[in-house]
Protein backbone atom coordinates (compact mmCIF):
# COMPACT_ATOMS: atom_id res chain seq x y z
CA MET A 1 126.20 84.59 77.49
CA THR A 2 125.13 87.58 75.37
CA THR A 3 123.74 90.76 76.84
CA TRP A 4 120.37 89.99 75.26
CA SER A 5 120.20 86.58 76.89
CA PHE A 6 121.18 88.04 80.27
CA LEU A 7 118.41 90.65 80.10
CA ALA A 8 115.97 88.07 78.76
CA ARG A 9 116.73 85.83 81.75
CA VAL A 10 116.14 88.74 84.14
CA ARG A 11 112.72 89.24 82.58
CA MET A 12 112.05 85.52 82.84
CA TYR A 13 112.88 85.41 86.56
CA THR A 14 110.73 88.46 87.30
CA ASN A 15 107.58 87.39 85.49
CA GLY A 16 104.70 85.62 87.17
CA GLU A 17 105.51 82.25 85.61
CA SER A 18 108.99 81.72 87.03
CA LEU A 19 109.70 79.02 89.58
CA PHE A 20 110.84 81.65 92.08
CA SER A 21 107.60 83.64 91.73
CA LYS A 22 105.64 80.55 92.76
CA LEU A 23 107.36 80.22 96.13
CA LYS A 24 105.58 81.29 99.29
CA PRO A 25 106.04 85.05 99.88
CA GLU A 26 107.91 84.51 103.16
CA LYS A 27 110.49 82.30 101.45
CA ARG A 28 110.90 84.72 98.57
CA GLU A 29 111.47 87.57 101.00
CA ARG A 30 114.15 85.60 102.87
CA ILE A 31 116.04 84.93 99.65
CA ILE A 32 115.72 88.53 98.45
CA ALA A 33 116.92 89.92 101.79
CA ALA A 34 119.86 87.52 101.94
CA ALA A 35 120.91 88.24 98.35
CA LEU A 36 120.50 92.00 98.65
CA GLY A 37 122.52 92.06 101.86
CA GLU A 38 125.32 89.96 100.39
CA PHE A 39 125.57 91.98 97.18
CA ALA A 40 125.46 95.22 99.19
CA ASP A 41 128.26 94.08 101.52
CA LYS A 42 130.57 92.39 99.01
CA GLY A 43 129.55 93.43 95.53
CA TYR A 44 128.75 91.07 92.70
CA THR A 45 132.20 89.49 92.36
CA GLY A 46 132.76 88.96 96.07
CA ALA A 47 129.25 87.73 96.86
CA SER A 48 128.93 84.04 97.78
CA MET A 49 126.00 81.88 96.77
CA ASN A 50 126.86 79.68 99.78
CA VAL A 51 126.42 82.62 102.15
CA ILE A 52 123.21 83.73 100.48
CA ALA A 53 121.76 80.23 100.71
CA ALA A 54 122.78 79.88 104.36
CA ASN A 55 121.38 83.27 105.34
CA ALA A 56 118.14 82.56 103.47
CA GLY A 57 117.80 79.10 104.98
CA VAL A 58 117.60 77.32 101.62
CA ALA A 59 119.74 74.81 99.77
CA LYS A 60 122.36 76.30 97.46
CA GLY A 61 121.04 74.13 94.65
CA SER A 62 117.65 75.77 95.02
CA LEU A 63 119.14 79.15 94.15
CA PHE A 64 120.49 77.70 90.92
CA ASP A 65 117.08 76.17 90.20
CA TYR A 66 115.43 79.56 90.68
CA PHE A 67 117.98 81.81 88.96
CA GLY A 68 120.36 79.66 86.92
CA ASN A 69 123.54 81.17 88.37
CA LYS A 70 124.85 84.14 90.36
CA SER A 71 124.40 86.58 87.49
CA GLY A 72 120.75 85.55 87.22
CA LEU A 73 120.22 86.19 90.93
CA PHE A 74 122.02 89.53 90.69
CA GLY A 75 119.87 90.44 87.70
CA TYR A 76 116.75 89.72 89.70
CA ILE A 77 117.95 91.87 92.62
CA TYR A 78 118.96 94.66 90.22
CA HIS A 79 115.55 94.59 88.54
CA MET A 80 113.73 94.53 91.88
CA ALA A 81 115.77 97.44 93.28
CA LEU A 82 115.35 99.48 90.10
CA THR A 83 111.61 98.85 90.04
CA GLU A 84 111.20 99.85 93.68
CA THR A 85 113.31 102.98 93.26
CA THR A 86 111.53 104.04 90.08
CA ALA A 87 108.09 103.53 91.61
CA TYR A 88 109.03 105.64 94.65
CA LEU A 89 110.40 108.52 92.58
CA ARG A 90 107.47 108.44 90.16
CA SER A 91 105.15 108.70 93.13
CA ALA A 92 107.09 111.73 94.35
CA ARG A 93 106.91 113.27 90.88
CA THR A 94 103.15 112.74 90.69
CA ALA A 95 102.60 114.20 94.16
CA SER A 96 104.42 117.41 93.14
CA ARG A 97 102.81 117.84 89.71
CA ASN A 98 101.03 121.06 90.74
CA ASP A 99 104.18 122.69 92.13
CA GLU A 100 106.53 124.93 90.18
CA PHE A 101 109.70 123.41 88.74
CA PHE A 102 112.24 124.27 91.43
CA THR A 103 109.93 123.17 94.23
CA ARG A 104 109.45 119.87 92.39
CA ILE A 105 113.19 119.36 92.06
CA GLU A 106 113.69 120.20 95.73
CA LYS A 107 111.05 117.64 96.69
CA LEU A 108 112.70 115.10 94.37
CA MET A 109 116.02 115.57 96.19
CA VAL A 110 114.35 115.18 99.58
CA ALA A 111 112.50 112.06 98.41
CA SER A 112 115.75 110.59 97.05
CA LEU A 113 117.52 111.26 100.34
CA ASP A 114 114.68 109.64 102.27
CA PHE A 115 114.74 106.61 99.97
CA VAL A 116 118.46 105.83 100.29
CA THR A 117 118.24 106.41 104.04
CA ALA A 118 115.40 103.90 104.31
CA HIS A 119 117.00 101.41 101.87
CA PRO A 120 120.77 101.43 102.52
CA ASP A 121 121.32 98.03 100.89
CA ILE A 122 119.77 99.19 97.62
CA ALA A 123 121.94 102.31 97.77
CA ALA A 124 125.03 100.17 98.41
CA VAL A 125 124.33 97.97 95.38
CA TYR A 126 123.80 101.08 93.25
CA TYR A 127 127.07 102.71 94.31
CA ARG A 128 129.04 99.51 93.88
CA ILE A 129 127.76 99.25 90.31
CA THR A 130 128.23 102.91 89.39
CA HIS A 131 131.65 103.39 90.98
CA THR A 132 133.30 100.01 90.39
CA GLY A 133 131.34 98.47 87.51
CA ASP A 134 131.11 95.32 89.61
CA ALA A 135 128.18 93.65 87.83
CA PRO A 136 127.57 91.20 85.00
CA TYR A 137 127.59 93.20 81.75
CA PRO A 138 128.35 96.45 83.59
CA THR A 139 128.32 98.65 80.47
CA ASP A 140 124.74 97.75 79.70
CA ILE A 141 123.58 97.96 83.31
CA LEU A 142 125.25 101.36 83.78
CA ALA A 143 123.70 102.63 80.55
CA ASP A 144 120.32 101.44 81.79
CA ILE A 145 120.69 103.13 85.20
CA HIS A 146 121.97 106.46 83.88
CA GLY A 147 119.60 106.47 80.91
CA ARG A 148 116.57 106.01 83.16
CA LEU A 149 117.71 108.77 85.53
CA LEU A 150 118.40 111.23 82.72
CA ASP A 151 115.06 110.50 81.04
CA PHE A 152 113.26 110.92 84.35
CA ILE A 153 114.80 114.33 85.04
CA ARG A 154 114.56 115.45 81.40
CA ASP A 155 110.78 115.01 81.64
CA PHE A 156 110.70 117.50 84.54
CA ILE A 157 112.73 120.01 82.54
CA THR A 158 110.78 119.65 79.29
CA GLU A 159 107.51 120.15 81.16
CA ALA A 160 108.89 123.20 82.99
CA ILE A 161 109.93 124.78 79.69
CA ALA A 162 106.44 124.17 78.29
CA ARG A 163 104.95 125.79 81.42
CA HIS A 164 107.30 128.81 81.00
CA GLU A 165 108.85 128.20 84.41
CA ILE A 166 112.42 128.06 83.11
CA ARG A 167 114.20 129.54 80.11
CA SER A 168 113.23 128.13 76.73
CA ASP A 169 116.80 128.30 75.39
CA ILE A 170 117.95 125.60 77.82
CA ASP A 171 118.89 122.24 76.32
CA PRO A 172 116.86 119.71 78.36
CA SER A 173 119.51 117.00 77.94
CA VAL A 174 122.34 119.22 79.17
CA ALA A 175 120.25 120.50 82.09
CA ALA A 176 119.25 116.93 83.00
CA PHE A 177 122.91 115.87 82.91
CA LEU A 178 123.84 118.69 85.29
CA LEU A 179 120.98 118.06 87.71
CA ALA A 180 121.53 114.29 87.71
CA GLY A 181 125.18 114.93 88.58
CA ILE A 182 124.21 117.21 91.47
CA LEU A 183 121.66 114.71 92.79
CA ASP A 184 124.03 111.77 92.55
CA ARG A 185 126.90 113.69 94.16
CA PHE A 186 124.67 114.86 97.01
CA LEU A 187 123.42 111.35 97.78
CA GLN A 188 126.91 109.90 97.40
CA ALA A 189 128.25 112.30 100.02
CA HIS A 190 125.55 111.14 102.43
CA PHE A 191 125.73 107.45 101.82
CA ALA A 192 129.28 106.71 100.70
CA PRO A 193 131.75 108.94 102.56
CA PHE A 194 134.61 106.69 101.48
CA LEU A 195 134.04 108.15 98.00
CA ASP A 196 134.18 111.70 99.37
CA PRO A 197 136.61 112.07 102.29
CA TYR A 198 135.99 115.82 102.54
CA ALA A 199 132.24 115.57 103.16
CA THR A 200 130.65 114.95 106.54
CA PHE A 201 127.01 114.51 105.54
CA ARG A 202 126.57 111.35 107.58
CA THR A 203 127.09 113.34 110.77
CA ILE A 204 125.45 116.71 110.07
CA GLY A 205 121.82 115.68 110.61
CA ARG A 206 118.70 116.01 108.51
CA ALA A 207 118.15 119.74 109.09
CA GLU A 208 121.59 120.57 107.67
CA SER A 209 121.02 118.18 104.75
CA LEU A 210 117.80 120.03 103.91
CA ARG A 211 119.66 123.33 104.10
CA TRP A 212 122.14 122.00 101.54
CA ILE A 213 119.27 121.00 99.27
CA ASP A 214 117.85 124.52 99.54
CA GLU A 215 121.25 126.05 98.71
CA LEU A 216 121.79 123.73 95.72
CA ILE A 217 118.33 124.43 94.33
CA GLY A 218 118.96 128.15 94.81
CA LEU A 219 122.08 127.95 92.63
CA TYR A 220 120.22 125.94 90.01
CA ARG A 221 117.29 128.39 90.12
CA ARG A 222 119.45 131.44 89.48
CA GLY A 223 120.88 129.88 86.34
CA MET A 224 117.60 128.68 84.81
CA THR A 225 114.82 131.08 85.86
CA VAL A 226 113.08 133.04 83.11
CA TYR A 227 114.04 136.72 83.22
CA GLY A 228 111.27 138.64 84.96
CA VAL A 229 110.12 135.64 87.01
CA HIS A 230 110.74 135.80 90.74
CA PRO A 231 112.19 132.74 92.53
CA LYS A 232 108.82 131.39 93.63
CA GLY A 233 107.36 131.60 90.14
CA THR A 234 105.47 134.94 90.27
CA ILE A 235 105.79 137.20 87.27
CA SER A 236 107.23 140.66 87.92
């Protein structure tokens, strides 16, 4: 199967005309929960359609009717998780639109931490993809994930430059790359300690996590603030 046909099938399964979309909401939710849990626990390669069907209380053949095969089901879960994550972060961005740049980034980090805490299975699927490439057509999926994140953060930076909140000589793409790396590393240390044996974020508590966010934003602020602008955005 080509990459195009894989992505086309994902779109087909997520539109309002698919067989799966016509199921009763309760049944759809059972299948989504079972699939998300299985992919989170075992990754794409190790996930079993038999287990998903059993946990969802449906016939295995029904899953193939709805999604074609395991890659189609994974594609649906990937699209659903990405849509939910993107909507949450866009909402956080909109809510902070009147704040100065560094406050907005701090709120973005807090919102991201809250999201992965509330949705551990989505976080698990994300980290399995990004750290093992365990997905159908991983190159394209990874490019999609990282491209969306970089574009999202680059928009913050470009707007802050236009508002004279950060230095105009900063390359938005380079700054977005740095900030995306900080955000991903911070969340990874909280959610996936097996990837970071020296971090103890899962045991330090929320107050200490927020202190870390404040410290990280402080470092970022000192490197990007316009000369003559105090940390909270007031001109000297």
